[in-house]
Amino acid sequence: TFFFVPCIFIYLRPSATFPLDKAVS
C-alpha cells in the first residue's frame, strides 16, 4: 500500500505537478 497508492497518485493523472509530489514520491 505504501508503494502502490503514491504511484497511483503520481501517474494516474495528466501531466500536472503539485508541490506535494516530491514528498509523495
PDB file of all heavy atoms in Angstrom:
ATOM      1  N   THR A   1       0.836  -1.206   0.000  1.00  0.00           N
ATOM      2  CA  THR A   1       0.000   0.000   0.000  1.00  0.00           C
ATOM      3  C   THR A   1       0.868   1.252   0.000  1.00  0.00           C
ATOM      4  O   THR A   1       0.595   2.213  -0.724  1.00  0.00           O
ATOM      5  CB  THR A   1      -0.937   0.013   1.225  1.00  0.00           C
ATOM      6  OG1 THR A   1      -1.787  -1.142   1.162  1.00  0.00           O
ATOM      7  CG2 THR A   1      -1.809   1.267   1.233  1.00  0.00           C
ATOM      8  N   PHE A   2       1.936   1.233   0.806  1.00  0.00           N
ATOM      9  CA  PHE A   2       2.877   2.355   0.827  1.00  0.00           C
ATOM     10  C   PHE A   2       3.508   2.579  -0.546  1.00  0.00           C
ATOM     11  O   PHE A   2       3.887   3.703  -0.881  1.00  0.00           O
ATOM     12  CB  PHE A   2       3.987   2.115   1.850  1.00  0.00           C
ATOM     13  CG  PHE A   2       3.648   2.578   3.237  1.00  0.00           C
ATOM     14  CD1 PHE A   2       3.665   1.685   4.294  1.00  0.00           C
ATOM     15  CD2 PHE A   2       3.315   3.894   3.494  1.00  0.00           C
ATOM     16  CE1 PHE A   2       3.352   2.098   5.582  1.00  0.00           C
ATOM     17  CE2 PHE A   2       2.991   4.320   4.772  1.00  0.00           C
ATOM     18  CZ  PHE A   2       3.018   3.419   5.819  1.00  0.00           C
ATOM     19  N   PHE A   3       3.623   1.518  -1.326  1.00  0.00           N
ATOM     20  CA  PHE A   3       4.240   1.628  -2.649  1.00  0.00           C
ATOM     21  C   PHE A   3       3.226   2.015  -3.725  1.00  0.00           C
ATOM     22  O   PHE A   3       3.446   2.945  -4.499  1.00  0.00           O
ATOM     23  CB  PHE A   3       4.917   0.304  -3.014  1.00  0.00           C
ATOM     24  CG  PHE A   3       5.693   0.354  -4.297  1.00  0.00           C
ATOM     25  CD1 PHE A   3       6.985   0.842  -4.316  1.00  0.00           C
ATOM     26  CD2 PHE A   3       5.135  -0.081  -5.498  1.00  0.00           C
ATOM     27  CE1 PHE A   3       7.714   0.901  -5.488  1.00  0.00           C
ATOM     28  CE2 PHE A   3       5.850  -0.035  -6.675  1.00  0.00           C
ATOM     29  CZ  PHE A   3       7.146   0.462  -6.673  1.00  0.00           C
ATOM     30  N   PHE A   4       2.096   1.301  -3.769  1.00  0.00           N
ATOM     31  CA  PHE A   4       1.167   1.455  -4.882  1.00  0.00           C
ATOM     32  C   PHE A   4       0.347   2.745  -4.811  1.00  0.00           C
ATOM     33  O   PHE A   4       0.140   3.394  -5.845  1.00  0.00           O
ATOM     34  CB  PHE A   4       0.218   0.254  -4.956  1.00  0.00           C
ATOM     35  CG  PHE A   4       0.789  -0.924  -5.661  1.00  0.00           C
ATOM     36  CD1 PHE A   4       1.439  -1.927  -4.951  1.00  0.00           C
ATOM     37  CD2 PHE A   4       0.700  -1.048  -7.029  1.00  0.00           C
ATOM     38  CE1 PHE A   4       1.974  -3.025  -5.593  1.00  0.00           C
ATOM     39  CE2 PHE A   4       1.229  -2.144  -7.694  1.00  0.00           C
ATOM     40  CZ  PHE A   4       1.875  -3.134  -6.967  1.00  0.00           C
ATOM     41  N   VAL A   5      -0.150   3.106  -3.643  1.00  0.00           N
ATOM     42  CA  VAL A   5      -1.030   4.283  -3.556  1.00  0.00           C
ATOM     43  C   VAL A   5      -0.309   5.559  -4.005  1.00  0.00           C
ATOM     44  O   VAL A   5      -0.861   6.328  -4.807  1.00  0.00           O
ATOM     45  CB  VAL A   5      -1.612   4.420  -2.131  1.00  0.00           C
ATOM     46  CG1 VAL A   5      -2.364   5.741  -1.989  1.00  0.00           C
ATOM     47  CG2 VAL A   5      -2.557   3.248  -1.836  1.00  0.00           C
ATOM     48  N   PRO A   6       0.926   5.835  -3.550  1.00  0.00           N
ATOM     49  CA  PRO A   6       1.632   7.012  -4.088  1.00  0.00           C
ATOM     50  C   PRO A   6       1.884   6.927  -5.595  1.00  0.00           C
ATOM     51  O   PRO A   6       1.800   7.944  -6.296  1.00  0.00           O
ATOM     52  CB  PRO A   6       2.950   7.019  -3.301  1.00  0.00           C
ATOM     53  CG  PRO A   6       2.651   6.296  -2.046  1.00  0.00           C
ATOM     54  CD  PRO A   6       1.682   5.227  -2.436  1.00  0.00           C
ATOM     55  N   CYS A   7       2.205   5.711  -6.094  1.00  0.00           N
ATOM     56  CA  CYS A   7       2.408   5.558  -7.543  1.00  0.00           C
ATOM     57  C   CYS A   7       1.146   5.920  -8.318  1.00  0.00           C
ATOM     58  O   CYS A   7       1.204   6.611  -9.346  1.00  0.00           O
ATOM     59  CB  CYS A   7       2.818   4.125  -7.877  1.00  0.00           C
ATOM     60  SG  CYS A   7       4.526   3.722  -7.474  1.00  0.00           S
ATOM     61  N   ILE A   8       0.011   5.435  -7.840  1.00  0.00           N
ATOM     62  CA  ILE A   8      -1.269   5.732  -8.498  1.00  0.00           C
ATOM     63  C   ILE A   8      -1.549   7.233  -8.447  1.00  0.00           C
ATOM     64  O   ILE A   8      -1.988   7.839  -9.428  1.00  0.00           O
ATOM     65  CB  ILE A   8      -2.407   4.935  -7.833  1.00  0.00           C
ATOM     66  CG1 ILE A   8      -2.218   3.431  -8.108  1.00  0.00           C
ATOM     67  CG2 ILE A   8      -3.771   5.387  -8.339  1.00  0.00           C
ATOM     68  CD1 ILE A   8      -3.103   2.532  -7.277  1.00  0.00           C
ATOM     69  N   PHE A   9      -1.265   7.864  -7.305  1.00  0.00           N
ATOM     70  CA  PHE A   9      -1.474   9.310  -7.144  1.00  0.00           C
ATOM     71  C   PHE A   9      -0.630  10.104  -8.140  1.00  0.00           C
ATOM     72  O   PHE A   9      -1.103  11.083  -8.729  1.00  0.00           O
ATOM     73  CB  PHE A   9      -1.123   9.727  -5.715  1.00  0.00           C
ATOM     74  CG  PHE A   9      -1.138  11.217  -5.493  1.00  0.00           C
ATOM     75  CD1 PHE A   9      -2.339  11.896  -5.336  1.00  0.00           C
ATOM     76  CD2 PHE A   9       0.051  11.934  -5.440  1.00  0.00           C
ATOM     77  CE1 PHE A   9      -2.348  13.276  -5.139  1.00  0.00           C
ATOM     78  CE2 PHE A   9       0.046  13.308  -5.243  1.00  0.00           C
ATOM     79  CZ  PHE A   9      -1.160  13.980  -5.091  1.00  0.00           C
ATOM     80  N   ILE A  10       0.605   9.689  -8.343  1.00  0.00           N
ATOM     81  CA  ILE A  10       1.518  10.433  -9.216  1.00  0.00           C
ATOM     82  C   ILE A  10       1.232  10.198 -10.698  1.00  0.00           C
ATOM     83  O   ILE A  10       1.205  11.142 -11.506  1.00  0.00           O
ATOM     84  CB  ILE A  10       2.983  10.055  -8.910  1.00  0.00           C
ATOM     85  CG1 ILE A  10       3.383  10.507  -7.501  1.00  0.00           C
ATOM     86  CG2 ILE A  10       3.938  10.666  -9.957  1.00  0.00           C
ATOM     87  CD1 ILE A  10       3.472  11.992  -7.296  1.00  0.00           C
ATOM     88  N   TYR A  11       0.994   8.938 -11.077  1.00  0.00           N
ATOM     89  CA  TYR A  11       0.996   8.597 -12.506  1.00  0.00           C
ATOM     90  C   TYR A  11      -0.389   8.453 -13.134  1.00  0.00           C
ATOM     91  O   TYR A  11      -0.494   8.503 -14.363  1.00  0.00           O
ATOM     92  CB  TYR A  11       1.796   7.304 -12.733  1.00  0.00           C
ATOM     93  CG  TYR A  11       3.246   7.452 -12.369  1.00  0.00           C
ATOM     94  CD1 TYR A  11       3.780   6.827 -11.252  1.00  0.00           C
ATOM     95  CD2 TYR A  11       4.094   8.248 -13.136  1.00  0.00           C
ATOM     96  CE1 TYR A  11       5.115   6.967 -10.909  1.00  0.00           C
ATOM     97  CE2 TYR A  11       5.427   8.408 -12.807  1.00  0.00           C
ATOM     98  CZ  TYR A  11       5.929   7.771 -11.692  1.00  0.00           C
ATOM     99  OH  TYR A  11       7.246   7.921 -11.347  1.00  0.00           O
ATOM    100  N   LEU A  12      -1.427   8.276 -12.338  1.00  0.00           N
ATOM    101  CA  LEU A  12      -2.748   8.101 -12.934  1.00  0.00           C
ATOM    102  C   LEU A  12      -3.451   9.449 -13.034  1.00  0.00           C
ATOM    103  O   LEU A  12      -4.550   9.652 -12.515  1.00  0.00           O
ATOM    104  CB  LEU A  12      -3.588   7.121 -12.100  1.00  0.00           C
ATOM    105  CG  LEU A  12      -4.837   6.561 -12.799  1.00  0.00           C
ATOM    106  CD1 LEU A  12      -4.457   5.718 -14.004  1.00  0.00           C
ATOM    107  CD2 LEU A  12      -5.682   5.755 -11.830  1.00  0.00           C
ATOM    108  N   ARG A  13      -2.811  10.373 -13.714  1.00  0.00           N
ATOM    109  CA  ARG A  13      -3.371  11.710 -13.908  1.00  0.00           C
ATOM    110  C   ARG A  13      -2.601  12.374 -15.039  1.00  0.00           C
ATOM    111  O   ARG A  13      -1.498  11.935 -15.393  1.00  0.00           O
ATOM    112  CB  ARG A  13      -3.263  12.534 -12.625  1.00  0.00           C
ATOM    113  CG  ARG A  13      -1.858  12.897 -12.231  1.00  0.00           C
ATOM    114  CD  ARG A  13      -1.826  13.751 -10.966  1.00  0.00           C
ATOM    115  NE  ARG A  13      -0.551  14.411 -10.850  1.00  0.00           N
ATOM    116  CZ  ARG A  13       0.154  14.488  -9.713  1.00  0.00           C
ATOM    117  NH1 ARG A  13      -0.304  13.944  -8.607  1.00  0.00           N
ATOM    118  NH2 ARG A  13       1.310  15.121  -9.681  1.00  0.00           N
ATOM    119  N   PRO A  14      -3.147  13.457 -15.615  1.00  0.00           N
ATOM    120  CA  PRO A  14      -2.414  14.190 -16.659  1.00  0.00           C
ATOM    121  C   PRO A  14      -1.121  14.773 -16.109  1.00  0.00           C
ATOM    122  O   PRO A  14      -0.841  14.703 -14.918  1.00  0.00           O
ATOM    123  CB  PRO A  14      -3.404  15.294 -17.068  1.00  0.00           C
ATOM    124  CG  PRO A  14      -4.734  14.812 -16.609  1.00  0.00           C
ATOM    125  CD  PRO A  14      -4.492  13.989 -15.385  1.00  0.00           C
ATOM    126  N   SER A  15      -0.361  15.414 -16.994  1.00  0.00           N
ATOM    127  CA  SER A  15       0.966  15.891 -16.635  1.00  0.00           C
ATOM    128  C   SER A  15       0.933  17.152 -15.790  1.00  0.00           C
ATOM    129  O   SER A  15       1.678  18.102 -16.032  1.00  0.00           O
ATOM    130  CB  SER A  15       1.795  16.150 -17.898  1.00  0.00           C
ATOM    131  OG  SER A  15       3.113  16.484 -17.557  1.00  0.00           O
ATOM    132  N   ALA A  16       0.110  17.172 -14.775  1.00  0.00           N
ATOM    133  CA  ALA A  16       0.117  18.270 -13.808  1.00  0.00           C
ATOM    134  C   ALA A  16       1.009  17.880 -12.650  1.00  0.00           C
ATOM    135  O   ALA A  16       1.031  16.728 -12.233  1.00  0.00           O
ATOM    136  CB  ALA A  16      -1.297  18.540 -13.310  1.00  0.00           C
ATOM    137  N   THR A  17       1.793  18.818 -12.144  1.00  0.00           N
ATOM    138  CA  THR A  17       2.650  18.544 -10.998  1.00  0.00           C
ATOM    139  C   THR A  17       2.225  19.419  -9.837  1.00  0.00           C
ATOM    140  O   THR A  17       1.815  20.562 -10.025  1.00  0.00           O
ATOM    141  CB  THR A  17       4.130  18.808 -11.331  1.00  0.00           C
ATOM    142  OG1 THR A  17       4.279  20.155 -11.790  1.00  0.00           O
ATOM    143  CG2 THR A  17       4.626  17.848 -12.408  1.00  0.00           C
ATOM    144  N   PHE A  18       2.339  18.878  -8.640  1.00  0.00           N
ATOM    145  CA  PHE A  18       1.961  19.590  -7.425  1.00  0.00           C
ATOM    146  C   PHE A  18       3.156  19.647  -6.479  1.00  0.00           C
ATOM    147  O   PHE A  18       4.050  18.788  -6.542  1.00  0.00           O
ATOM    148  CB  PHE A  18       0.794  18.878  -6.730  1.00  0.00           C
ATOM    149  CG  PHE A  18      -0.416  18.695  -7.603  1.00  0.00           C
ATOM    150  CD1 PHE A  18      -0.839  17.424  -7.967  1.00  0.00           C
ATOM    151  CD2 PHE A  18      -1.125  19.789  -8.067  1.00  0.00           C
ATOM    152  CE1 PHE A  18      -1.947  17.247  -8.777  1.00  0.00           C
ATOM    153  CE2 PHE A  18      -2.240  19.623  -8.872  1.00  0.00           C
ATOM    154  CZ  PHE A  18      -2.652  18.354  -9.235  1.00  0.00           C
ATOM    155  N   PRO A  19       3.197  20.641  -5.587  1.00  0.00           N
ATOM    156  CA  PRO A  19       4.304  20.717  -4.624  1.00  0.00           C
ATOM    157  C   PRO A  19       4.438  19.455  -3.780  1.00  0.00           C
ATOM    158  O   PRO A  19       5.528  19.097  -3.340  1.00  0.00           O
ATOM    159  CB  PRO A  19       3.933  21.933  -3.762  1.00  0.00           C
ATOM    160  CG  PRO A  19       3.058  22.773  -4.640  1.00  0.00           C
ATOM    161  CD  PRO A  19       2.292  21.804  -5.489  1.00  0.00           C
ATOM    162  N   LEU A  20       3.312  18.759  -3.574  1.00  0.00           N
ATOM    163  CA  LEU A  20       3.309  17.556  -2.754  1.00  0.00           C
ATOM    164  C   LEU A  20       3.984  16.369  -3.432  1.00  0.00           C
ATOM    165  O   LEU A  20       4.382  15.410  -2.757  1.00  0.00           O
ATOM    166  CB  LEU A  20       1.850  17.199  -2.414  1.00  0.00           C
ATOM    167  CG  LEU A  20       1.581  16.074  -1.417  1.00  0.00           C
ATOM    168  CD1 LEU A  20       2.128  16.445  -0.044  1.00  0.00           C
ATOM    169  CD2 LEU A  20       0.087  15.783  -1.338  1.00  0.00           C
ATOM    170  N   ASP A  21       4.161  16.428  -4.750  1.00  0.00           N
ATOM    171  CA  ASP A  21       4.644  15.274  -5.499  1.00  0.00           C
ATOM    172  C   ASP A  21       5.998  14.777  -5.012  1.00  0.00           C
ATOM    173  O   ASP A  21       6.235  13.567  -4.933  1.00  0.00           O
ATOM    174  CB  ASP A  21       4.731  15.609  -6.994  1.00  0.00           C
ATOM    175  CG  ASP A  21       3.368  15.692  -7.643  1.00  0.00           C
ATOM    176  OD1 ASP A  21       2.367  15.397  -6.963  1.00  0.00           O
ATOM    177  OD2 ASP A  21       3.308  16.065  -8.828  1.00  0.00           O
ATOM    178  N   LYS A  22       6.904  15.699  -4.710  1.00  0.00           N
ATOM    179  CA  LYS A  22       8.248  15.281  -4.304  1.00  0.00           C
ATOM    180  C   LYS A  22       8.217  14.512  -2.987  1.00  0.00           C
ATOM    181  O   LYS A  22       8.936  13.518  -2.824  1.00  0.00           O
ATOM    182  CB  LYS A  22       9.172  16.505  -4.214  1.00  0.00           C
ATOM    183  CG  LYS A  22       9.539  17.069  -5.573  1.00  0.00           C
ATOM    184  CD  LYS A  22      10.571  18.168  -5.480  1.00  0.00           C
ATOM    185  CE  LYS A  22       9.981  19.489  -5.104  1.00  0.00           C
ATOM    186  NZ  LYS A  22      10.975  20.600  -5.199  1.00  0.00           N
ATOM    187  N   ALA A  23       7.401  14.968  -2.061  1.00  0.00           N
ATOM    188  CA  ALA A  23       7.286  14.261  -0.782  1.00  0.00           C
ATOM    189  C   ALA A  23       6.595  12.909  -0.969  1.00  0.00           C
ATOM    190  O   ALA A  23       7.008  11.903  -0.383  1.00  0.00           O
ATOM    191  CB  ALA A  23       6.520  15.121   0.219  1.00  0.00           C
ATOM    192  N   VAL A  24       5.552  12.880  -1.809  1.00  0.00           N
ATOM    193  CA  VAL A  24       4.828  11.622  -2.055  1.00  0.00           C
ATOM    194  C   VAL A  24       5.747  10.584  -2.697  1.00  0.00           C
ATOM    195  O   VAL A  24       5.707   9.400  -2.355  1.00  0.00           O
ATOM    196  CB  VAL A  24       3.593  11.879  -2.946  1.00  0.00           C
ATOM    197  CG1 VAL A  24       2.983  10.568  -3.430  1.00  0.00           C
ATOM    198  CG2 VAL A  24       2.551  12.690  -2.182  1.00  0.00           C
ATOM    199  N   SER A  25       6.605  11.033  -3.612  1.00  0.00           N
ATOM    200  CA  SER A  25       7.486  10.091  -4.311  1.00  0.00           C
ATOM    201  C   SER A  25       8.489   9.419  -3.375  1.00  0.00           C
ATOM    202  O   SER A  25       9.026   8.357  -3.693  1.00  0.00           O
ATOM    203  CB  SER A  25       8.227  10.797  -5.447  1.00  0.00           C
ATOM    204  OG  SER A  25       9.115  11.781  -4.945  1.00  0.00           O
TER     205      SER A  25
END
